[in-house]
Amino acid sequence: MTYLAHDLDDPSIWRRVSMLRQGGAEVRVAGFRRGQGPLPEEATVLGHTANGRMIQRVRAIAAAWPRIARMIPVQHGPEVILARNLEMLALGARLARIRGARLVYELLDIHAMMLGQGTAARVLRRVEAKLMHRTSLVVLSSPAFDTSYLRHFNQPDVPTLMVENKPFARPDITQQRGAAADGAENGGPLIIGWFGMLRCRWSLGVLDQVTRAHPGQYRVILRGRPALDVMEDFHDVVDANPDLSFMGPYDWPDDLPAIYGQIDVAWLIDRYQAGQNSDWLLPNRLYEGCLNGAVPVVLDGTEVARRVSAWDCGVLVATPGADAVAATLSTLSPASLATRREAVADLPRAVLEMDKAECRHLTSAICGTDPVAAT
């Protein structure tokens, strides 16, 4: 299998590679880079791109287009190409046509330029539709990508497979489910954890406002990779607020029990693409947080809020605003927080993590060896 990735520096790419291999696939990886430093393993680098710079990314695709077949050697036997996001689908379709390979589209993130009724959005969707006619399967991570995007914009009716952003099961690891030692259940401030790709300027501003308005009542720990192209003043804001602490990146998945064990609640609100992609996502931090005992904080009206409400285990903020966030968080007494934590602990592990059977299901559907797998 050839996996075409839009960003080889994104840890989620390598999580997917691990899942495919757990499912029995031989996977080679090719794609673009947006960072520096060593990659987790060898991959074919097609070029460099940048977050948010769509024109530059289009030029990078155009540069790779005529040489994609030369850059990726022919595999022995039937080949399957898994292309993540639209730009890689374009290259994947060309490679599949040259090789006679099966093509699968992994649609896990929808750029804002794809949405609406503007000229650019309509053109991009037409390009996507033309390419989708060549695909055998579309892999989605949230049902809202189907209902709110594919069906809403009448994209081609291609079989879909739902693969949620669950981490791979690690039965050898005891998950952290106890209350944070310095947190609200033990007489301290409510400790909020915002982990992963930090790209929501609204969240940074609201968490800054709430902690400043209620000094000592809340503490926010930030871990992961801040999108400095979106939040240029990220470090300035954090450094100026004693109740905000940026602890840097973390190793996935080894550090998850430790970092979630330091917090009371996990911040799952994302307004980066409010009303669009951010409202449709089921982020990996939902599963990781619950798996490690953190109570999720979500915004009403989003797909993640619908999931948390169905699980009856989280904290629901009614409207997007600092006052609403503060009012909601203020209702979390030690007793109510403990009740929600118990609800999180009672969730079946099967809804929070992917086992080998699901990995085999994913790989079989992508490779077309299990036609029942795609629905």
Protein backbone atom coordinates (compact mmCIF):
# COMPACT_ATOMS: atom_id res chain seq x y z
CA MET A 1 0.00 0.00 0.00
CA THR A 2 1.16 3.54 -0.78
CA TYR A 3 0.03 6.21 1.68
CA LEU A 4 0.12 9.75 0.27
CA ALA A 5 0.22 12.21 3.17
CA HIS A 6 -0.32 15.97 3.09
CA ASP A 7 1.98 16.60 6.09
CA LEU A 8 4.60 14.05 7.07
CA ASP A 9 5.29 16.04 10.25
CA ASP A 10 1.73 15.48 11.52
CA PRO A 11 1.74 12.70 14.17
CA SER A 12 -1.71 11.56 13.01
CA ILE A 13 -0.16 10.39 9.74
CA TRP A 14 2.03 7.93 11.57
CA ARG A 15 -0.84 6.81 13.80
CA ARG A 16 -2.71 5.82 10.65
CA VAL A 17 0.36 4.01 9.31
CA SER A 18 0.56 2.05 12.57
CA MET A 19 -3.11 1.08 12.32
CA LEU A 20 -2.72 -0.11 8.73
CA ARG A 21 0.28 -2.21 9.65
CA GLN A 22 -1.55 -3.65 12.65
CA GLY A 23 -4.22 -4.64 10.14
CA GLY A 24 -1.69 -6.56 8.06
CA ALA A 25 -0.74 -4.06 5.36
CA GLU A 26 2.74 -3.33 4.06
CA VAL A 27 2.80 0.46 3.97
CA ARG A 28 5.20 2.88 2.34
CA VAL A 29 4.72 6.59 2.92
CA ALA A 30 5.17 9.59 0.63
CA GLY A 31 4.09 13.18 0.99
CA PHE A 32 4.96 16.77 1.77
CA ARG A 33 6.65 18.22 4.82
CA ARG A 34 5.74 21.31 6.84
CA GLY A 35 8.40 21.00 9.50
CA GLN A 36 12.04 20.21 10.05
CA GLY A 37 13.98 17.53 11.85
CA PRO A 38 13.89 13.75 11.56
CA LEU A 39 10.75 11.86 10.64
CA PRO A 40 9.63 8.80 12.64
CA GLU A 41 10.75 6.61 9.75
CA GLU A 42 11.87 6.79 6.15
CA ALA A 43 9.44 8.37 3.71
CA THR A 44 9.53 9.81 0.19
CA VAL A 45 9.43 13.59 0.52
CA LEU A 46 7.66 15.19 -2.44
CA GLY A 47 8.36 18.77 -1.37
CA HIS A 48 7.60 21.32 1.35
CA THR A 49 4.31 23.15 1.99
CA ALA A 50 2.98 25.52 4.66
CA ASN A 51 -0.15 25.69 6.82
CA GLY A 52 -2.92 27.81 5.32
CA ARG A 53 -1.02 28.73 2.15
CA MET A 54 -3.30 27.07 -0.39
CA ILE A 55 -1.74 28.72 -3.46
CA GLN A 56 1.70 27.54 -2.41
CA ARG A 57 0.33 24.05 -1.84
CA VAL A 58 -1.25 24.03 -5.30
CA ARG A 59 2.12 24.96 -6.80
CA ALA A 60 3.78 22.13 -4.86
CA ILE A 61 1.23 19.67 -6.23
CA ALA A 62 1.81 20.96 -9.75
CA ALA A 63 5.56 20.52 -9.33
CA ALA A 64 5.14 16.92 -8.14
CA TRP A 65 2.49 16.02 -10.73
CA PRO A 66 4.73 15.10 -13.70
CA ARG A 67 7.24 13.15 -11.59
CA ILE A 68 5.05 11.37 -9.05
CA ALA A 69 5.41 7.97 -10.78
CA ARG A 70 9.20 8.30 -10.93
CA MET A 71 9.46 9.32 -7.28
CA ILE A 72 7.45 6.33 -6.02
CA PRO A 73 8.77 2.98 -7.31
CA VAL A 74 6.41 0.32 -8.61
CA GLN A 75 5.24 -2.21 -6.02
CA HIS A 76 5.18 -5.93 -6.65
CA GLY A 77 1.65 -7.22 -7.06
CA PRO A 78 -1.62 -5.21 -6.91
CA GLU A 79 -1.19 -1.71 -5.53
CA VAL A 80 -3.55 0.31 -3.34
CA ILE A 81 -3.14 4.07 -2.96
CA LEU A 82 -4.55 5.81 0.11
CA ALA A 83 -4.62 9.59 -0.41
CA ARG A 84 -5.17 11.90 2.54
CA ASN A 85 -7.04 15.14 1.73
CA LEU A 86 -7.74 16.71 -1.64
CA GLU A 87 -4.24 17.72 -2.68
CA MET A 88 -2.98 14.17 -2.23
CA LEU A 89 -6.06 12.78 -3.98
CA ALA A 90 -5.00 14.68 -7.10
CA LEU A 91 -1.58 13.04 -7.04
CA GLY A 92 -3.08 9.71 -6.04
CA ALA A 93 -5.47 9.74 -8.98
CA ARG A 94 -2.60 10.34 -11.40
CA LEU A 95 -0.50 7.57 -9.86
CA ALA A 96 -3.48 5.18 -9.79
CA ARG A 97 -4.20 5.85 -13.46
CA ILE A 98 -0.59 5.18 -14.45
CA ARG A 99 -0.34 2.03 -12.30
CA GLY A 100 -3.89 0.72 -12.63
CA ALA A 101 -4.11 0.82 -8.83
CA ARG A 102 -7.08 0.97 -6.47
CA LEU A 103 -7.57 4.51 -5.09
CA VAL A 104 -9.02 5.36 -1.66
CA TYR A 105 -9.72 8.92 -0.43
CA GLU A 106 -9.13 9.74 3.25
CA LEU A 107 -11.29 12.80 4.01
CA LEU A 108 -10.45 13.79 7.58
CA ASP A 109 -10.20 17.56 7.29
CA ILE A 110 -12.09 19.96 5.04
CA HIS A 111 -10.39 23.23 4.14
CA ALA A 112 -12.49 26.40 4.44
CA MET A 113 -11.87 27.10 0.73
CA MET A 114 -13.96 24.01 -0.08
CA LEU A 115 -17.07 25.42 1.58
CA GLY A 116 -19.70 27.96 0.63
CA GLN A 117 -20.94 29.06 -2.79
CA GLY A 118 -18.05 31.25 -3.88
CA THR A 119 -16.32 30.63 -7.19
CA ALA A 120 -13.20 29.08 -5.64
CA ALA A 121 -15.24 26.71 -3.45
CA ARG A 122 -17.40 25.54 -6.36
CA VAL A 123 -14.36 24.95 -8.56
CA LEU A 124 -12.56 22.97 -5.84
CA ARG A 125 -15.62 20.82 -5.19
CA ARG A 126 -15.94 20.10 -8.91
CA VAL A 127 -12.30 19.03 -8.98
CA GLU A 128 -12.90 16.86 -5.91
CA ALA A 129 -16.02 15.33 -7.47
CA LYS A 130 -14.17 14.45 -10.65
CA LEU A 131 -11.41 12.79 -8.66
CA MET A 132 -13.89 11.00 -6.38
CA HIS A 133 -15.40 9.26 -9.41
CA ARG A 134 -12.08 7.42 -9.67
CA THR A 135 -12.07 6.30 -6.04
CA SER A 136 -13.35 3.03 -4.63
CA LEU A 137 -13.86 4.19 -1.06
CA VAL A 138 -13.92 7.33 1.10
CA VAL A 139 -12.61 7.04 4.69
CA LEU A 140 -14.24 9.49 7.15
CA SER A 141 -13.57 10.17 10.83
CA SER A 142 -16.94 11.73 11.72
CA PRO A 143 -20.51 11.21 10.48
CA ALA A 144 -20.87 14.98 10.06
CA PHE A 145 -18.35 14.94 7.20
CA ASP A 146 -20.88 12.79 5.33
CA THR A 147 -24.08 14.62 6.26
CA SER A 148 -22.80 18.21 6.43
CA TYR A 149 -20.33 18.10 3.57
CA LEU A 150 -20.57 15.21 1.09
CA ARG A 151 -24.37 14.97 1.04
CA HIS A 152 -24.96 18.67 1.61
CA PHE A 153 -22.94 19.57 -1.48
CA ASN A 154 -24.11 16.56 -3.51
CA GLN A 155 -20.68 15.06 -3.98
CA PRO A 156 -20.47 11.65 -5.75
CA ASP A 157 -22.07 8.70 -4.01
CA VAL A 158 -18.96 6.67 -3.22
CA PRO A 159 -18.97 3.97 -0.50
CA THR A 160 -17.75 5.35 2.85
CA LEU A 161 -16.07 3.84 5.86
CA MET A 162 -16.23 5.52 9.28
CA VAL A 163 -12.94 5.26 11.18
CA GLU A 164 -12.97 7.41 14.30
CA ASN A 165 -9.82 9.04 15.66
CA LYS A 166 -9.38 6.48 18.42
CA PRO A 167 -5.89 5.58 19.62
CA PHE A 168 -4.67 2.04 19.17
CA ALA A 169 -5.43 -0.27 22.09
CA ARG A 170 -2.53 -0.85 24.48
CA PRO A 171 -3.65 -3.57 26.91
CA ASP A 172 -0.21 -3.55 28.53
CA ILE A 173 -0.71 0.04 29.72
CA THR A 174 -2.77 0.87 32.81
CA GLN A 175 -4.69 4.03 32.02
CA GLN A 176 -4.63 6.96 34.46
CA ARG A 177 -8.10 7.49 35.89
CA GLY A 178 -7.49 9.11 39.27
CA ALA A 179 -8.24 12.75 40.10
CA ALA A 180 -5.50 15.30 39.47
CA ALA A 181 -3.37 15.56 42.61
CA ASP A 182 -3.52 19.37 42.68
CA GLY A 183 -6.92 19.72 41.06
CA ALA A 184 -10.43 20.64 42.09
CA GLU A 185 -11.36 17.30 43.66
CA ASN A 186 -8.43 17.70 46.03
CA GLY A 187 -9.10 21.29 47.06
CA GLY A 188 -7.08 23.02 44.35
CA PRO A 189 -8.07 25.02 41.27
CA LEU A 190 -9.91 23.39 38.39
CA ILE A 191 -7.13 22.27 36.06
CA ILE A 192 -8.00 22.46 32.36
CA GLY A 193 -5.90 20.65 29.76
CA TRP A 194 -5.72 21.83 26.15
CA PHE A 195 -3.62 19.27 24.26
CA GLY A 196 -2.72 18.41 20.68
CA MET A 197 -2.68 20.76 17.72
CA LEU A 198 -3.28 24.19 19.31
CA ARG A 199 -4.73 26.31 16.52
CA CYS A 200 -7.82 28.01 17.95
CA ARG A 201 -7.27 31.70 18.67
CA TRP A 202 -10.74 31.92 20.22
CA SER A 203 -9.85 29.23 22.77
CA LEU A 204 -6.60 30.95 23.70
CA GLY A 205 -8.42 34.26 24.19
CA VAL A 206 -11.29 32.80 26.21
CA LEU A 207 -9.04 30.74 28.49
CA ASP A 208 -6.91 33.84 29.04
CA GLN A 209 -10.00 35.93 29.88
CA VAL A 210 -11.54 33.35 32.20
CA THR A 211 -8.38 32.76 34.22
CA ARG A 212 -7.67 36.51 34.51
CA ALA A 213 -11.24 37.21 35.66
CA HIS A 214 -11.06 34.45 38.30
CA PRO A 215 -7.44 34.37 39.54
CA GLY A 216 -6.51 31.18 41.33
CA GLN A 217 -9.82 29.48 40.51
CA TYR A 218 -8.70 27.94 37.21
CA ARG A 219 -5.39 26.76 35.83
CA VAL A 220 -4.77 25.84 32.19
CA ILE A 221 -2.05 23.46 31.01
CA LEU A 222 -1.28 23.55 27.28
CA ARG A 223 0.64 20.73 25.59
CA GLY A 224 1.38 20.02 21.94
CA ARG A 225 2.14 22.07 18.85
CA PRO A 226 0.85 25.67 18.71
CA ALA A 227 -0.04 26.93 15.23
CA LEU A 228 2.00 30.13 15.34
CA ASP A 229 0.83 31.10 11.85
CA VAL A 230 -2.66 31.42 13.35
CA MET A 231 -1.71 32.61 16.85
CA GLU A 232 1.42 34.72 16.40
CA ASP A 233 1.21 36.01 19.97
CA PHE A 234 0.67 32.58 21.54
CA HIS A 235 3.81 32.63 23.68
CA ASP A 236 3.30 36.27 24.69
CA VAL A 237 -0.24 35.56 25.92
CA VAL A 238 0.84 32.48 27.87
CA ASP A 239 3.90 34.11 29.39
CA ALA A 240 1.84 37.09 30.60
CA ASN A 241 -0.72 34.95 32.45
CA PRO A 242 0.45 32.99 35.53
CA ASP A 243 -2.54 30.65 35.24
CA LEU A 244 -1.62 29.54 31.70
CA SER A 245 1.28 27.09 31.34
CA PHE A 246 2.65 25.83 28.03
CA MET A 247 4.55 22.60 28.72
CA GLY A 248 5.69 21.95 25.15
CA PRO A 249 5.19 18.89 22.94
CA TYR A 250 4.68 15.35 24.20
CA ASP A 251 5.40 11.83 23.00
CA TRP A 252 2.33 10.07 21.65
CA PRO A 253 1.09 7.72 23.01
CA ASP A 254 3.57 7.12 25.84
CA ASP A 255 2.99 10.46 27.60
CA LEU A 256 -0.82 10.41 27.49
CA PRO A 257 -1.49 8.82 30.91
CA ALA A 258 0.89 11.25 32.62
CA ILE A 259 -0.31 14.47 30.97
CA TYR A 260 -4.01 13.67 31.33
CA GLY A 261 -3.39 12.58 34.90
CA GLN A 262 -2.40 16.18 35.70
CA ILE A 263 -5.78 17.69 34.76
CA ASP A 264 -9.43 17.66 35.79
CA VAL A 265 -11.11 18.47 32.47
CA ALA A 266 -10.01 18.29 28.82
CA TRP A 267 -10.72 21.31 26.59
CA LEU A 268 -12.37 20.04 23.40
CA ILE A 269 -13.77 23.34 22.11
CA ASP A 270 -12.36 24.38 18.73
CA ARG A 271 -13.54 27.53 16.91
CA TYR A 272 -10.76 27.61 14.33
CA GLN A 273 -13.31 26.92 11.58
CA ALA A 274 -16.49 27.65 13.51
CA GLY A 275 -19.67 26.48 11.81
CA GLN A 276 -17.66 24.27 9.50
CA ASN A 277 -14.84 21.80 10.01
CA SER A 278 -14.45 22.57 13.73
CA ASP A 279 -18.11 21.79 14.36
CA TRP A 280 -17.97 18.50 12.44
CA LEU A 281 -14.83 16.95 13.93
CA LEU A 282 -14.58 14.12 16.43
CA PRO A 283 -11.02 14.94 17.57
CA ASN A 284 -8.58 12.37 18.85
CA ARG A 285 -8.36 14.29 22.15
CA LEU A 286 -11.96 13.17 22.86
CA TYR A 287 -10.93 9.51 22.96
CA GLU A 288 -7.51 10.07 24.54
CA GLY A 289 -8.90 12.28 27.28
CA CYS A 290 -11.75 9.96 28.24
CA LEU A 291 -9.48 6.92 28.05
CA ASN A 292 -7.22 8.59 30.59
CA GLY A 293 -9.91 9.85 32.96
CA ALA A 294 -10.31 13.52 31.95
CA VAL A 295 -13.82 14.98 31.77
CA PRO A 296 -14.44 16.56 28.33
CA VAL A 297 -15.55 20.21 27.97
CA VAL A 298 -17.48 20.71 24.72
CA LEU A 299 -19.55 23.36 22.95
CA ASP A 300 -23.25 22.70 22.35
CA GLY A 301 -24.27 22.22 18.72
CA THR A 302 -21.09 20.47 17.61
CA GLU A 303 -20.60 16.84 16.62
CA VAL A 304 -18.32 16.22 19.59
CA ALA A 305 -20.99 17.65 21.91
CA ARG A 306 -23.56 15.26 20.46
CA ARG A 307 -21.21 12.35 21.12
CA VAL A 308 -20.40 13.46 24.68
CA SER A 309 -24.10 14.04 25.40
CA ALA A 310 -24.87 10.52 24.17
CA TRP A 311 -22.19 9.20 26.51
CA ASP A 312 -23.54 11.44 29.33
CA CYS A 313 -20.10 12.16 30.71
CA GLY A 314 -19.00 15.71 29.90
CA VAL A 315 -19.43 19.41 30.51
CA LEU A 316 -21.56 21.26 27.96
CA VAL A 317 -20.99 24.98 27.32
CA ALA A 318 -24.22 26.43 25.90
CA THR A 319 -22.86 29.36 23.87
CA PRO A 320 -19.42 30.48 22.65
CA GLY A 321 -18.30 33.23 24.99
CA ALA A 322 -16.04 33.80 27.98
CA ASP A 323 -19.00 34.44 30.31
CA ALA A 324 -20.71 31.21 29.26
CA VAL A 325 -17.49 29.23 29.73
CA ALA A 326 -16.88 30.72 33.18
CA ALA A 327 -20.49 30.14 34.24
CA THR A 328 -20.37 26.51 33.14
CA LEU A 329 -17.03 25.76 34.77
CA SER A 330 -18.17 27.41 38.01
CA THR A 331 -20.87 24.73 38.41
CA LEU A 332 -18.22 22.02 38.77
CA SER A 333 -18.07 21.28 42.46
CA PRO A 334 -15.78 18.48 43.67
CA ALA A 335 -18.82 16.22 43.94
CA SER A 336 -20.18 16.95 40.47
CA LEU A 337 -16.72 16.62 38.95
CA ALA A 338 -16.30 13.24 40.66
CA THR A 339 -19.66 12.11 39.26
CA ARG A 340 -18.65 13.05 35.73
CA ARG A 341 -15.29 11.38 36.17
CA GLU A 342 -17.07 8.17 37.20
CA ALA A 343 -19.21 8.39 34.05
CA VAL A 344 -16.04 8.72 31.96
CA ALA A 345 -14.47 5.74 33.75
CA ASP A 346 -17.55 3.63 33.02
CA LEU A 347 -17.30 4.11 29.24
CA PRO A 348 -16.48 0.85 27.45
CA ARG A 349 -12.91 0.82 26.20
CA ALA A 350 -14.20 -0.33 22.82
CA VAL A 351 -15.71 3.10 22.14
CA LEU A 352 -12.44 4.84 23.04
CA GLU A 353 -9.69 2.76 21.45
CA MET A 354 -9.12 0.75 18.29
CA ASP A 355 -8.23 -2.92 18.64
CA LYS A 356 -6.58 -5.24 16.13
CA ALA A 357 -9.92 -6.39 14.77
CA GLU A 358 -10.82 -2.80 13.82
CA CYS A 359 -7.37 -2.36 12.26
CA ARG A 360 -7.96 -5.45 10.14
CA HIS A 361 -11.41 -4.13 9.21
CA LEU A 362 -9.87 -0.82 8.11
CA THR A 363 -7.09 -2.43 6.11
CA SER A 364 -9.41 -4.94 4.44
CA ALA A 365 -11.84 -2.22 3.38
CA ILE A 366 -9.08 -0.02 1.96
CA CYS A 367 -7.53 -2.92 0.09
CA GLY A 368 -10.93 -4.11 -1.16
CA THR A 369 -10.52 -7.61 0.23
CA ASP A 370 -13.59 -7.24 2.44
CA PRO A 371 -16.40 -5.62 0.46
CA VAL A 372 -18.75 -5.88 3.43
CA ALA A 373 -16.47 -3.54 5.39
CA ALA A 374 -17.40 -0.50 3.33
CA THR A 375 -20.88 0.94 3.95
